[in-house]
Amino acid sequence: MKQVLLIVFIQFLTVSATAQTPVNEAQARQMTEQVNKAAQAMKTLQCTFRQTKTLQILKNKMVAKGRMCYSQPSQLRWEYTSPYQYVFIVNGNKVLMKNSKRTDVIDANKNKVFKQITSIMMSSVTGKCLTDHQNFKTQMSTSGTSWIARLTPVKKELRQLFSQLLITFDTKRMVAVRVEMIEKGGDNTVIELLDPIKNASVNGNEYKID
Protein backbone atom coordinates (compact mmCIF):
# COMPACT_ATOMS: atom_id res chain seq x y z
CA MET A 1 0.00 0.00 0.00
CA LYS A 2 2.90 2.36 0.63
CA GLN A 3 4.01 1.91 -2.97
CA VAL A 4 0.49 2.68 -4.20
CA LEU A 5 0.40 5.95 -2.26
CA LEU A 6 3.81 6.94 -3.59
CA ILE A 7 2.58 6.35 -7.15
CA VAL A 8 -0.52 8.47 -6.51
CA PHE A 9 1.68 11.17 -5.00
CA ILE A 10 3.95 11.15 -8.05
CA GLN A 11 0.93 11.41 -10.35
CA PHE A 12 -0.64 14.11 -8.25
CA LEU A 13 2.28 16.44 -7.81
CA THR A 14 3.45 16.93 -11.22
CA VAL A 15 4.09 21.77 -14.56
CA SER A 16 6.26 22.71 -17.25
CA ALA A 17 7.37 26.26 -16.98
CA THR A 18 8.18 28.53 -19.87
CA ALA A 19 10.78 31.32 -19.69
CA GLN A 20 11.28 32.21 -16.06
CA THR A 21 12.71 35.34 -14.46
CA PRO A 22 14.24 34.83 -11.00
CA VAL A 23 13.31 37.31 -8.26
CA ASN A 24 15.35 38.64 -5.37
CA GLU A 25 14.92 37.52 -1.77
CA ALA A 26 12.62 40.39 -0.80
CA GLN A 27 10.35 39.79 -3.78
CA ALA A 28 10.27 36.05 -3.11
CA ARG A 29 9.28 36.68 0.50
CA GLN A 30 6.49 39.02 -0.56
CA MET A 31 5.20 36.52 -3.14
CA THR A 32 5.22 33.71 -0.59
CA GLU A 33 3.34 35.85 1.93
CA GLN A 34 0.64 36.62 -0.63
CA VAL A 35 0.25 32.93 -1.54
CA ASN A 36 0.01 31.97 2.14
CA LYS A 37 -2.55 34.70 2.81
CA ALA A 38 -4.69 33.42 -0.05
CA ALA A 39 -4.27 29.84 1.20
CA GLN A 40 -5.52 30.80 4.65
CA ALA A 41 -8.58 32.45 3.14
CA MET A 42 -9.35 29.50 0.88
CA LYS A 43 -11.76 27.28 2.80
CA THR A 44 -12.56 25.02 -0.17
CA LEU A 45 -11.28 24.43 -3.69
CA GLN A 46 -12.89 22.45 -6.51
CA CYS A 47 -11.70 21.87 -10.06
CA THR A 48 -11.26 19.38 -12.86
CA PHE A 49 -7.79 18.36 -13.97
CA ARG A 50 -5.86 16.95 -16.89
CA GLN A 51 -2.76 14.89 -16.17
CA THR A 52 -0.09 14.18 -18.78
CA LYS A 53 2.68 11.76 -17.87
CA THR A 54 5.74 11.48 -20.10
CA LEU A 55 8.04 8.48 -19.81
CA GLN A 56 11.46 8.45 -21.42
CA ILE A 57 11.01 4.87 -22.66
CA LEU A 58 7.66 5.56 -24.35
CA LYS A 59 6.91 7.72 -27.37
CA ASN A 60 3.26 8.28 -26.45
CA LYS A 61 2.14 10.46 -23.57
CA MET A 62 -0.33 9.06 -21.04
CA VAL A 63 -3.26 11.41 -20.44
CA ALA A 64 -5.81 11.06 -17.65
CA LYS A 65 -8.64 13.31 -16.53
CA GLY A 66 -10.53 13.73 -13.30
CA ARG A 67 -11.75 16.07 -10.61
CA MET A 68 -10.51 17.33 -7.27
CA CYS A 69 -12.05 18.92 -4.20
CA TYR A 70 -10.37 20.18 -1.04
CA SER A 71 -11.69 21.51 2.26
CA GLN A 72 -9.71 23.00 5.12
CA PRO A 73 -7.99 21.83 7.13
CA SER A 74 -7.39 18.24 6.04
CA GLN A 75 -9.87 16.86 3.52
CA LEU A 76 -8.97 16.04 -0.09
CA ARG A 77 -10.61 14.01 -2.84
CA TRP A 78 -8.58 13.24 -5.97
CA GLU A 79 -10.60 11.22 -8.47
CA TYR A 80 -9.60 9.90 -11.88
CA THR A 81 -12.57 9.50 -14.21
CA SER A 82 -10.90 8.78 -17.59
CA PRO A 83 -9.48 6.54 -19.02
CA TYR A 84 -9.73 4.63 -15.74
CA GLN A 85 -11.55 5.14 -12.45
CA TYR A 86 -9.60 5.61 -9.25
CA VAL A 87 -10.41 7.51 -6.07
CA PHE A 88 -7.94 8.79 -3.49
CA ILE A 89 -9.41 10.45 -0.37
CA VAL A 90 -7.69 12.04 2.61
CA ASN A 91 -9.90 12.80 5.61
CA GLY A 92 -7.85 13.83 8.61
CA ASN A 93 -5.50 10.96 9.36
CA LYS A 94 -7.45 8.43 7.29
CA VAL A 95 -6.54 7.66 3.67
CA LEU A 96 -8.77 5.74 1.24
CA MET A 97 -7.61 4.30 -2.09
CA LYS A 98 -10.25 2.69 -4.28
CA ASN A 99 -10.39 1.22 -7.77
CA SER A 100 -12.74 -1.21 -9.49
CA LYS A 101 -11.15 -4.21 -7.79
CA ARG A 102 -10.36 -3.21 -4.23
CA THR A 103 -10.63 -0.61 -1.50
CA ASP A 104 -7.94 0.10 1.07
CA VAL A 105 -8.12 2.35 4.13
CA ILE A 106 -4.93 3.37 5.92
CA ASP A 107 -4.29 5.22 9.17
CA ALA A 108 -1.63 7.75 8.18
CA ASN A 109 -0.68 8.26 11.83
CA LYS A 110 0.68 4.73 11.95
CA ASN A 111 2.97 5.20 8.97
CA LYS A 112 5.51 8.03 8.85
CA VAL A 113 5.84 8.01 5.05
CA PHE A 114 2.06 8.02 4.53
CA LYS A 115 1.65 10.91 6.95
CA GLN A 116 4.41 12.97 5.34
CA ILE A 117 3.20 12.43 1.79
CA THR A 118 -0.45 13.21 2.55
CA SER A 119 0.66 16.36 4.36
CA ILE A 120 2.67 17.48 1.33
CA MET A 121 -0.24 16.73 -0.99
CA MET A 122 -2.46 19.00 1.10
CA SER A 123 0.07 21.81 1.26
CA SER A 124 0.69 21.62 -2.48
CA VAL A 125 -3.00 22.14 -3.25
CA THR A 126 -3.05 25.34 -1.22
CA GLY A 127 0.50 26.56 -1.79
CA LYS A 128 1.40 26.26 1.88
CA CYS A 129 4.33 24.05 0.86
CA LEU A 130 6.26 27.22 -0.07
CA THR A 131 7.09 27.68 3.60
CA ASP A 132 7.72 23.99 4.29
CA HIS A 133 11.42 24.47 4.87
CA GLN A 134 11.79 21.07 6.53
CA ASN A 135 11.01 19.31 3.26
CA PHE A 136 11.89 21.79 0.51
CA LYS A 137 14.26 24.49 -0.60
CA THR A 138 12.15 27.02 -2.51
CA GLN A 139 13.07 29.43 -5.32
CA MET A 140 10.55 31.87 -6.74
CA SER A 141 10.40 33.29 -10.27
CA THR A 142 7.95 34.95 -12.63
CA SER A 143 6.76 33.96 -16.10
CA GLY A 144 4.48 36.53 -17.71
CA THR A 145 1.66 37.11 -15.24
CA SER A 146 2.32 33.83 -13.41
CA TRP A 147 4.45 33.05 -10.39
CA ILE A 148 6.46 29.84 -10.33
CA ALA A 149 7.77 28.11 -7.24
CA ARG A 150 10.63 25.66 -7.79
CA LEU A 151 10.83 23.26 -4.87
CA THR A 152 13.86 21.04 -4.36
CA PRO A 153 13.40 18.23 -1.80
CA VAL A 154 15.86 18.16 1.06
CA LYS A 155 14.88 14.85 2.66
CA LYS A 156 16.17 11.55 1.33
CA GLU A 157 12.76 9.88 1.01
CA LEU A 158 11.44 12.77 -1.07
CA ARG A 159 14.56 12.94 -3.25
CA GLN A 160 13.87 9.32 -4.16
CA LEU A 161 10.49 10.39 -5.59
CA PHE A 162 11.49 13.46 -7.58
CA SER A 163 14.33 15.88 -8.16
CA GLN A 164 12.24 19.04 -8.49
CA LEU A 165 8.66 20.16 -8.07
CA LEU A 166 7.35 23.25 -9.85
CA ILE A 167 4.09 24.94 -8.95
CA THR A 168 2.61 27.69 -11.13
CA PHE A 169 0.24 30.22 -9.55
CA ASP A 170 -2.36 32.34 -11.32
CA THR A 171 -1.74 35.74 -9.74
CA LYS A 172 -5.23 37.05 -10.54
CA ARG A 173 -7.01 34.26 -8.70
CA MET A 174 -4.01 33.51 -6.46
CA VAL A 175 -4.38 29.75 -6.84
CA ALA A 176 -2.16 26.95 -8.12
CA VAL A 177 -3.12 26.09 -11.70
CA ARG A 178 -0.26 23.82 -12.78
CA VAL A 179 2.09 21.52 -10.89
CA GLU A 180 5.16 19.65 -12.48
CA MET A 181 7.24 16.97 -10.88
CA ILE A 182 10.52 16.13 -12.56
CA GLU A 183 11.89 12.72 -11.69
CA LYS A 184 15.55 11.73 -11.55
CA GLY A 185 15.44 9.70 -14.75
CA GLY A 186 13.89 12.53 -16.77
CA ASP A 187 10.27 11.35 -16.58
CA ASN A 188 7.76 14.00 -15.64
CA THR A 189 4.08 14.46 -14.95
CA VAL A 190 2.15 17.64 -15.68
CA ILE A 191 -1.17 18.34 -14.03
CA GLU A 192 -3.31 21.26 -15.14
CA LEU A 193 -5.95 22.36 -12.64
CA LEU A 194 -8.85 23.60 -14.75
CA ASP A 195 -11.59 26.10 -13.84
CA PRO A 196 -10.81 26.26 -10.10
CA ILE A 197 -13.65 27.37 -7.85
CA LYS A 198 -12.78 28.68 -4.40
CA ASN A 199 -14.94 28.75 -1.27
CA ALA A 200 -18.03 27.06 -2.73
CA SER A 201 -19.91 24.52 -0.63
CA VAL A 202 -18.62 20.92 -0.82
CA ASN A 203 -20.79 17.94 0.08
CA GLY A 204 -19.30 16.10 3.04
CA ASN A 205 -19.89 12.78 1.30
CA GLU A 206 -17.04 13.64 -1.05
CA TYR A 207 -14.65 12.79 1.79
CA LYS A 208 -16.51 9.81 3.20
CA ILE A 209 -14.29 6.89 4.13
CA ASP A 210 -16.18 3.66 4.86
C-alpha atoms as a PDB file:
ATOM      1  CA  MET A   1       0.000   0.000   0.000  1.00  0.00           C
ATOM      2  CA  LYS A   2       2.895   2.360   0.633  1.00  0.00           C
ATOM      3  CA  GLN A   3       4.007   1.908  -2.972  1.00  0.00           C
ATOM      4  CA  VAL A   4       0.486   2.681  -4.201  1.00  0.00           C
ATOM      5  CA  LEU A   5       0.396   5.948  -2.263  1.00  0.00           C
ATOM      6  CA  LEU A   6       3.807   6.942  -3.591  1.00  0.00           C
ATOM      7  CA  ILE A   7       2.579   6.349  -7.145  1.00  0.00           C
ATOM      8  CA  VAL A   8      -0.521   8.471  -6.510  1.00  0.00           C
ATOM      9  CA  PHE A   9       1.676  11.173  -4.999  1.00  0.00           C
ATOM     10  CA  ILE A  10       3.948  11.149  -8.051  1.00  0.00           C
ATOM     11  CA  GLN A  11       0.932  11.407 -10.353  1.00  0.00           C
ATOM     12  CA  PHE A  12      -0.640  14.110  -8.246  1.00  0.00           C
ATOM     13  CA  LEU A  13       2.280  16.435  -7.808  1.00  0.00           C
ATOM     14  CA  THR A  14       3.447  16.933 -11.217  1.00  0.00           C
ATOM     15  CA  VAL A  15       4.093  21.769 -14.555  1.00  0.00           C
ATOM     16  CA  SER A  16       6.256  22.714 -17.250  1.00  0.00           C
ATOM     17  CA  ALA A  17       7.367  26.260 -16.977  1.00  0.00           C
ATOM     18  CA  THR A  18       8.184  28.531 -19.870  1.00  0.00           C
ATOM     19  CA  ALA A  19      10.783  31.321 -19.695  1.00  0.00           C
ATOM     20  CA  GLN A  20      11.283  32.211 -16.061  1.00  0.00           C
ATOM     21  CA  THR A  21      12.708  35.337 -14.459  1.00  0.00           C
ATOM     22  CA  PRO A  22      14.236  34.828 -11.001  1.00  0.00           C
ATOM     23  CA  VAL A  23      13.305  37.314  -8.258  1.00  0.00           C
ATOM     24  CA  ASN A  24      15.347  38.641  -5.373  1.00  0.00           C
ATOM     25  CA  GLU A  25      14.918  37.524  -1.768  1.00  0.00           C
ATOM     26  CA  ALA A  26      12.623  40.391  -0.798  1.00  0.00           C
ATOM     27  CA  GLN A  27      10.353  39.791  -3.782  1.00  0.00           C
ATOM     28  CA  ALA A  28      10.273  36.049  -3.106  1.00  0.00           C
ATOM     29  CA  ARG A  29       9.284  36.684   0.497  1.00  0.00           C
ATOM     30  CA  GLN A  30       6.485  39.019  -0.563  1.00  0.00           C
ATOM     31  CA  MET A  31       5.197  36.518  -3.135  1.00  0.00           C
ATOM     32  CA  THR A  32       5.225  33.713  -0.588  1.00  0.00           C
ATOM     33  CA  GLU A  33       3.343  35.848   1.927  1.00  0.00           C
ATOM     34  CA  GLN A  34       0.639  36.617  -0.633  1.00  0.00           C
ATOM     35  CA  VAL A  35       0.252  32.934  -1.540  1.00  0.00           C
ATOM     36  CA  ASN A  36       0.008  31.974   2.135  1.00  0.00           C
ATOM     37  CA  LYS A  37      -2.545  34.702   2.808  1.00  0.00           C
ATOM     38  CA  ALA A  38      -4.692  33.416  -0.055  1.00  0.00           C
ATOM     39  CA  ALA A  39      -4.274  29.842   1.198  1.00  0.00           C
ATOM     40  CA  GLN A  40      -5.516  30.795   4.652  1.00  0.00           C
ATOM     41  CA  ALA A  41      -8.583  32.455   3.145  1.00  0.00           C
ATOM     42  CA  MET A  42      -9.354  29.498   0.882  1.00  0.00           C
ATOM     43  CA  LYS A  43     -11.760  27.276   2.804  1.00  0.00           C
ATOM     44  CA  THR A  44     -12.561  25.015  -0.170  1.00  0.00           C
ATOM     45  CA  LEU A  45     -11.279  24.426  -3.687  1.00  0.00           C
ATOM     46  CA  GLN A  46     -12.888  22.451  -6.505  1.00  0.00           C
ATOM     47  CA  CYS A  47     -11.705  21.869 -10.063  1.00  0.00           C
ATOM     48  CA  THR A  48     -11.261  19.377 -12.864  1.00  0.00           C
ATOM     49  CA  PHE A  49      -7.792  18.363 -13.967  1.00  0.00           C
ATOM     50  CA  ARG A  50      -5.858  16.953 -16.888  1.00  0.00           C
ATOM     51  CA  GLN A  51      -2.762  14.887 -16.169  1.00  0.00           C
ATOM     52  CA  THR A  52      -0.089  14.183 -18.776  1.00  0.00           C
ATOM     53  CA  LYS A  53       2.677  11.764 -17.873  1.00  0.00           C
ATOM     54  CA  THR A  54       5.736  11.481 -20.099  1.00  0.00           C
ATOM     55  CA  LEU A  55       8.041   8.480 -19.806  1.00  0.00           C
ATOM     56  CA  GLN A  56      11.456   8.451 -21.424  1.00  0.00           C
ATOM     57  CA  ILE A  57      11.014   4.870 -22.664  1.00  0.00           C
ATOM     58  CA  LEU A  58       7.660   5.558 -24.354  1.00  0.00           C
ATOM     59  CA  LYS A  59       6.907   7.716 -27.370  1.00  0.00           C
ATOM     60  CA  ASN A  60       3.262   8.279 -26.446  1.00  0.00           C
ATOM     61  CA  LYS A  61       2.139  10.457 -23.565  1.00  0.00           C
ATOM     62  CA  MET A  62      -0.330   9.064 -21.043  1.00  0.00           C
ATOM     63  CA  VAL A  63      -3.256  11.407 -20.438  1.00  0.00           C
ATOM     64  CA  ALA A  64      -5.812  11.059 -17.647  1.00  0.00           C
ATOM     65  CA  LYS A  65      -8.643  13.305 -16.526  1.00  0.00           C
ATOM     66  CA  GLY A  66     -10.533  13.732 -13.299  1.00  0.00           C
ATOM     67  CA  ARG A  67     -11.748  16.069 -10.611  1.00  0.00           C
ATOM     68  CA  MET A  68     -10.509  17.331  -7.272  1.00  0.00           C
ATOM     69  CA  CYS A  69     -12.045  18.916  -4.203  1.00  0.00           C
ATOM     70  CA  TYR A  70     -10.370  20.178  -1.042  1.00  0.00           C
ATOM     71  CA  SER A  71     -11.693  21.513   2.256  1.00  0.00           C
ATOM     72  CA  GLN A  72      -9.712  22.996   5.116  1.00  0.00           C
ATOM     73  CA  PRO A  73      -7.991  21.834   7.128  1.00  0.00           C
ATOM     74  CA  SER A  74      -7.387  18.239   6.044  1.00  0.00           C
ATOM     75  CA  GLN A  75      -9.868  16.864   3.516  1.00  0.00           C
ATOM     76  CA  LEU A  76      -8.974  16.040  -0.088  1.00  0.00           C
ATOM     77  CA  ARG A  77     -10.612  14.013  -2.839  1.00  0.00           C
ATOM     78  CA  TRP A  78      -8.575  13.239  -5.968  1.00  0.00           C
ATOM     79  CA  GLU A  79     -10.601  11.222  -8.469  1.00  0.00           C
ATOM     80  CA  TYR A  80      -9.596   9.903 -11.877  1.00  0.00           C
ATOM     81  CA  THR A  81     -12.572   9.500 -14.210  1.00  0.00           C
ATOM     82  CA  SER A  82     -10.902   8.783 -17.591  1.00  0.00           C
ATOM     83  CA  PRO A  83      -9.484   6.538 -19.017  1.00  0.00           C
ATOM     84  CA  TYR A  84      -9.730   4.627 -15.736  1.00  0.00           C
ATOM     85  CA  GLN A  85     -11.548   5.137 -12.448  1.00  0.00           C
ATOM     86  CA  TYR A  86      -9.598   5.609  -9.249  1.00  0.00           C
ATOM     87  CA  VAL A  87     -10.413   7.512  -6.070  1.00  0.00           C
ATOM     88  CA  PHE A  88      -7.938   8.793  -3.486  1.00  0.00           C
ATOM     89  CA  ILE A  89      -9.408  10.447  -0.368  1.00  0.00           C
ATOM     90  CA  VAL A  90      -7.689  12.036   2.607  1.00  0.00           C
ATOM     91  CA  ASN A  91      -9.895  12.803   5.612  1.00  0.00           C
ATOM     92  CA  GLY A  92      -7.853  13.830   8.611  1.00  0.00           C
ATOM     93  CA  ASN A  93      -5.498  10.957   9.362  1.00  0.00           C
ATOM     94  CA  LYS A  94      -7.448   8.430   7.289  1.00  0.00           C
ATOM     95  CA  VAL A  95      -6.545   7.657   3.673  1.00  0.00           C
ATOM     96  CA  LEU A  96      -8.771   5.743   1.238  1.00  0.00           C
ATOM     97  CA  MET A  97      -7.613   4.303  -2.093  1.00  0.00           C
ATOM     98  CA  LYS A  98     -10.253   2.687  -4.279  1.00  0.00           C
ATOM     99  CA  ASN A  99     -10.387   1.222  -7.774  1.00  0.00           C
ATOM    100  CA  SER A 100     -12.745  -1.213  -9.488  1.00  0.00           C
ATOM    101  CA  LYS A 101     -11.153  -4.215  -7.793  1.00  0.00           C
ATOM    102  CA  ARG A 102     -10.363  -3.211  -4.230  1.00  0.00           C
ATOM    103  CA  THR A 103     -10.634  -0.609  -1.498  1.00  0.00           C
ATOM    104  CA  ASP A 104      -7.945   0.102   1.074  1.00  0.00           C
ATOM    105  CA  VAL A 105      -8.122   2.346   4.132  1.00  0.00           C
ATOM    106  CA  ILE A 106      -4.932   3.369   5.923  1.00  0.00           C
ATOM    107  CA  ASP A 107      -4.292   5.219   9.172  1.00  0.00           C
ATOM    108  CA  ALA A 108      -1.626   7.753   8.182  1.00  0.00           C
ATOM    109  CA  ASN A 109      -0.680   8.260  11.835  1.00  0.00           C
ATOM    110  CA  LYS A 110       0.676   4.726  11.949  1.00  0.00           C
ATOM    111  CA  ASN A 111       2.974   5.196   8.974  1.00  0.00           C
ATOM    112  CA  LYS A 112       5.511   8.026   8.853  1.00  0.00           C
ATOM    113  CA  VAL A 113       5.835   8.010   5.053  1.00  0.00           C
ATOM    114  CA  PHE A 114       2.061   8.024   4.532  1.00  0.00           C
ATOM    115  CA  LYS A 115       1.652  10.906   6.946  1.00  0.00           C
ATOM    116  CA  GLN A 116       4.411  12.967   5.342  1.00  0.00           C
ATOM    117  CA  ILE A 117       3.198  12.435   1.787  1.00  0.00           C
ATOM    118  CA  THR A 118      -0.452  13.210   2.552  1.00  0.00           C
ATOM    119  CA  SER A 119       0.659  16.360   4.363  1.00  0.00           C
ATOM    120  CA  ILE A 120       2.672  17.484   1.332  1.00  0.00           C
ATOM    121  CA  MET A 121      -0.236  16.734  -0.989  1.00  0.00           C
ATOM    122  CA  MET A 122      -2.460  19.003   1.101  1.00  0.00           C
ATOM    123  CA  SER A 123       0.070  21.813   1.264  1.00  0.00           C
ATOM    124  CA  SER A 124       0.686  21.619  -2.478  1.00  0.00           C
ATOM    125  CA  VAL A 125      -3.003  22.137  -3.245  1.00  0.00           C
ATOM    126  CA  THR A 126      -3.047  25.345  -1.218  1.00  0.00           C
ATOM    127  CA  GLY A 127       0.502  26.563  -1.787  1.00  0.00           C
ATOM    128  CA  LYS A 128       1.405  26.262   1.883  1.00  0.00           C
ATOM    129  CA  CYS A 129       4.330  24.055   0.855  1.00  0.00           C
ATOM    130  CA  LEU A 130       6.259  27.222  -0.068  1.00  0.00           C
ATOM    131  CA  THR A 131       7.086  27.683   3.599  1.00  0.00           C
ATOM    132  CA  ASP A 132       7.716  23.988   4.293  1.00  0.00           C
ATOM    133  CA  HIS A 133      11.425  24.474   4.875  1.00  0.00           C
ATOM    134  CA  GLN A 134      11.794  21.073   6.533  1.00  0.00           C
ATOM    135  CA  ASN A 135      11.007  19.315   3.263  1.00  0.00           C
ATOM    136  CA  PHE A 136      11.887  21.786   0.510  1.00  0.00           C
ATOM    137  CA  LYS A 137      14.260  24.488  -0.599  1.00  0.00           C
ATOM    138  CA  THR A 138      12.147  27.020  -2.509  1.00  0.00           C
ATOM    139  CA  GLN A 139      13.070  29.427  -5.317  1.00  0.00           C
ATOM    140  CA  MET A 140      10.549  31.872  -6.741  1.00  0.00           C
ATOM    141  CA  SER A 141      10.405  33.293 -10.269  1.00  0.00           C
ATOM    142  CA  THR A 142       7.954  34.949 -12.631  1.00  0.00           C
ATOM    143  CA  SER A 143       6.764  33.960 -16.100  1.00  0.00           C
ATOM    144  CA  GLY A 144       4.485  36.531 -17.706  1.00  0.00           C
ATOM    145  CA  THR A 145       1.658  37.109 -15.243  1.00  0.00           C
ATOM    146  CA  SER A 146       2.322  33.834 -13.407  1.00  0.00           C
ATOM    147  CA  TRP A 147       4.449  33.048 -10.390  1.00  0.00           C
ATOM    148  CA  ILE A 148       6.463  29.842 -10.335  1.00  0.00           C
ATOM    149  CA  ALA A 149       7.775  28.111  -7.239  1.00  0.00           C
ATOM    150  CA  ARG A 150      10.632  25.664  -7.789  1.00  0.00           C
ATOM    151  CA  LEU A 151      10.826  23.259  -4.866  1.00  0.00           C
ATOM    152  CA  THR A 152      13.857  21.036  -4.359  1.00  0.00           C
ATOM    153  CA  PRO A 153      13.398  18.234  -1.801  1.00  0.00           C
ATOM    154  CA  VAL A 154      15.863  18.157   1.055  1.00  0.00           C
ATOM    155  CA  LYS A 155      14.878  14.855   2.663  1.00  0.00           C
ATOM    156  CA  LYS A 156      16.166  11.547   1.330  1.00  0.00           C
ATOM    157  CA  GLU A 157      12.759   9.875   1.010  1.00  0.00           C
ATOM    158  CA  LEU A 158      11.444  12.769  -1.075  1.00  0.00           C
ATOM    159  CA  ARG A 159      14.560  12.944  -3.252  1.00  0.00           C
ATOM    160  CA  GLN A 160      13.865   9.316  -4.155  1.00  0.00           C
ATOM    161  CA  LEU A 161      10.495  10.392  -5.590  1.00  0.00           C
ATOM    162  CA  PHE A 162      11.495  13.461  -7.577  1.00  0.00           C
ATOM    163  CA  SER A 163      14.332  15.883  -8.161  1.00  0.00           C
ATOM    164  CA  GLN A 164      12.236  19.038  -8.486  1.00  0.00           C
ATOM    165  CA  LEU A 165       8.665  20.163  -8.068  1.00  0.00           C
ATOM    166  CA  LEU A 166       7.348  23.253  -9.851  1.00  0.00           C
ATOM    167  CA  ILE A 167       4.085  24.940  -8.945  1.00  0.00           C
ATOM    168  CA  THR A 168       2.608  27.689 -11.133  1.00  0.00           C
ATOM    169  CA  PHE A 169       0.240  30.220  -9.549  1.00  0.00           C
ATOM    170  CA  ASP A 170      -2.361  32.340 -11.317  1.00  0.00           C
ATOM    171  CA  THR A 171      -1.735  35.745  -9.745  1.00  0.00           C
ATOM    172  CA  LYS A 172      -5.227  37.048 -10.540  1.00  0.00           C
ATOM    173  CA  ARG A 173      -7.009  34.258  -8.696  1.00  0.00           C
ATOM    174  CA  MET A 174      -4.006  33.508  -6.457  1.00  0.00           C
ATOM    175  CA  VAL A 175      -4.379  29.754  -6.844  1.00  0.00           C
ATOM    176  CA  ALA A 176      -2.158  26.955  -8.119  1.00  0.00           C
ATOM    177  CA  VAL A 177      -3.120  26.088 -11.701  1.00  0.00           C
ATOM    178  CA  ARG A 178      -0.255  23.823 -12.778  1.00  0.00           C
ATOM    179  CA  VAL A 179       2.087  21.518 -10.889  1.00  0.00           C
ATOM    180  CA  GLU A 180       5.155  19.647 -12.476  1.00  0.00           C
ATOM    181  CA  MET A 181       7.245  16.969 -10.883  1.00  0.00           C
ATOM    182  CA  ILE A 182      10.521  16.132 -12.557  1.00  0.00           C
ATOM    183  CA  GLU A 183      11.894  12.716 -11.693  1.00  0.00           C
ATOM    184  CA  LYS A 184      15.551  11.731 -11.553  1.00  0.00           C
ATOM    185  CA  GLY A 185      15.436   9.704 -14.752  1.00  0.00           C
ATOM    186  CA  GLY A 186      13.892  12.531 -16.766  1.00  0.00           C
ATOM    187  CA  ASP A 187      10.271  11.345 -16.584  1.00  0.00           C
ATOM    188  CA  ASN A 188       7.762  13.998 -15.642  1.00  0.00           C
ATOM    189  CA  THR A 189       4.080  14.463 -14.953  1.00  0.00           C
ATOM    190  CA  VAL A 190       2.148  17.640 -15.684  1.00  0.00           C
ATOM    191  CA  ILE A 191      -1.174  18.342 -14.034  1.00  0.00           C
ATOM    192  CA  GLU A 192      -3.314  21.261 -15.142  1.00  0.00           C
ATOM    193  CA  LEU A 193      -5.951  22.361 -12.637  1.00  0.00           C
ATOM    194  CA  LEU A 194      -8.848  23.600 -14.751  1.00  0.00           C
ATOM    195  CA  ASP A 195     -11.592  26.096 -13.839  1.00  0.00           C
ATOM    196  CA  PRO A 196     -10.808  26.261 -10.104  1.00  0.00           C
ATOM    197  CA  ILE A 197     -13.650  27.368  -7.848  1.00  0.00           C
ATOM    198  CA  LYS A 198     -12.778  28.679  -4.401  1.00  0.00           C
ATOM    199  CA  ASN A 199     -14.941  28.746  -1.267  1.00  0.00           C
ATOM    200  CA  ALA A 200     -18.026  27.061  -2.728  1.00  0.00           C
ATOM    201  CA  SER A 201     -19.908  24.518  -0.626  1.00  0.00           C
ATOM    202  CA  VAL A 202     -18.623  20.920  -0.824  1.00  0.00           C
ATOM    203  CA  ASN A 203     -20.791  17.938   0.079  1.00  0.00           C
ATOM    204  CA  GLY A 204     -19.303  16.105   3.037  1.00  0.00           C
ATOM    205  CA  ASN A 205     -19.893  12.777   1.298  1.00  0.00           C
ATOM    206  CA  GLU A 206     -17.039  13.642  -1.051  1.00  0.00           C
ATOM    207  CA  TYR A 207     -14.647  12.793   1.794  1.00  0.00           C
ATOM    208  CA  LYS A 208     -16.508   9.811   3.199  1.00  0.00           C
ATOM    209  CA  ILE A 209     -14.290   6.886   4.135  1.00  0.00           C
ATOM    210  CA  ASP A 210     -16.184   3.665   4.858  1.00  0.00           C
END
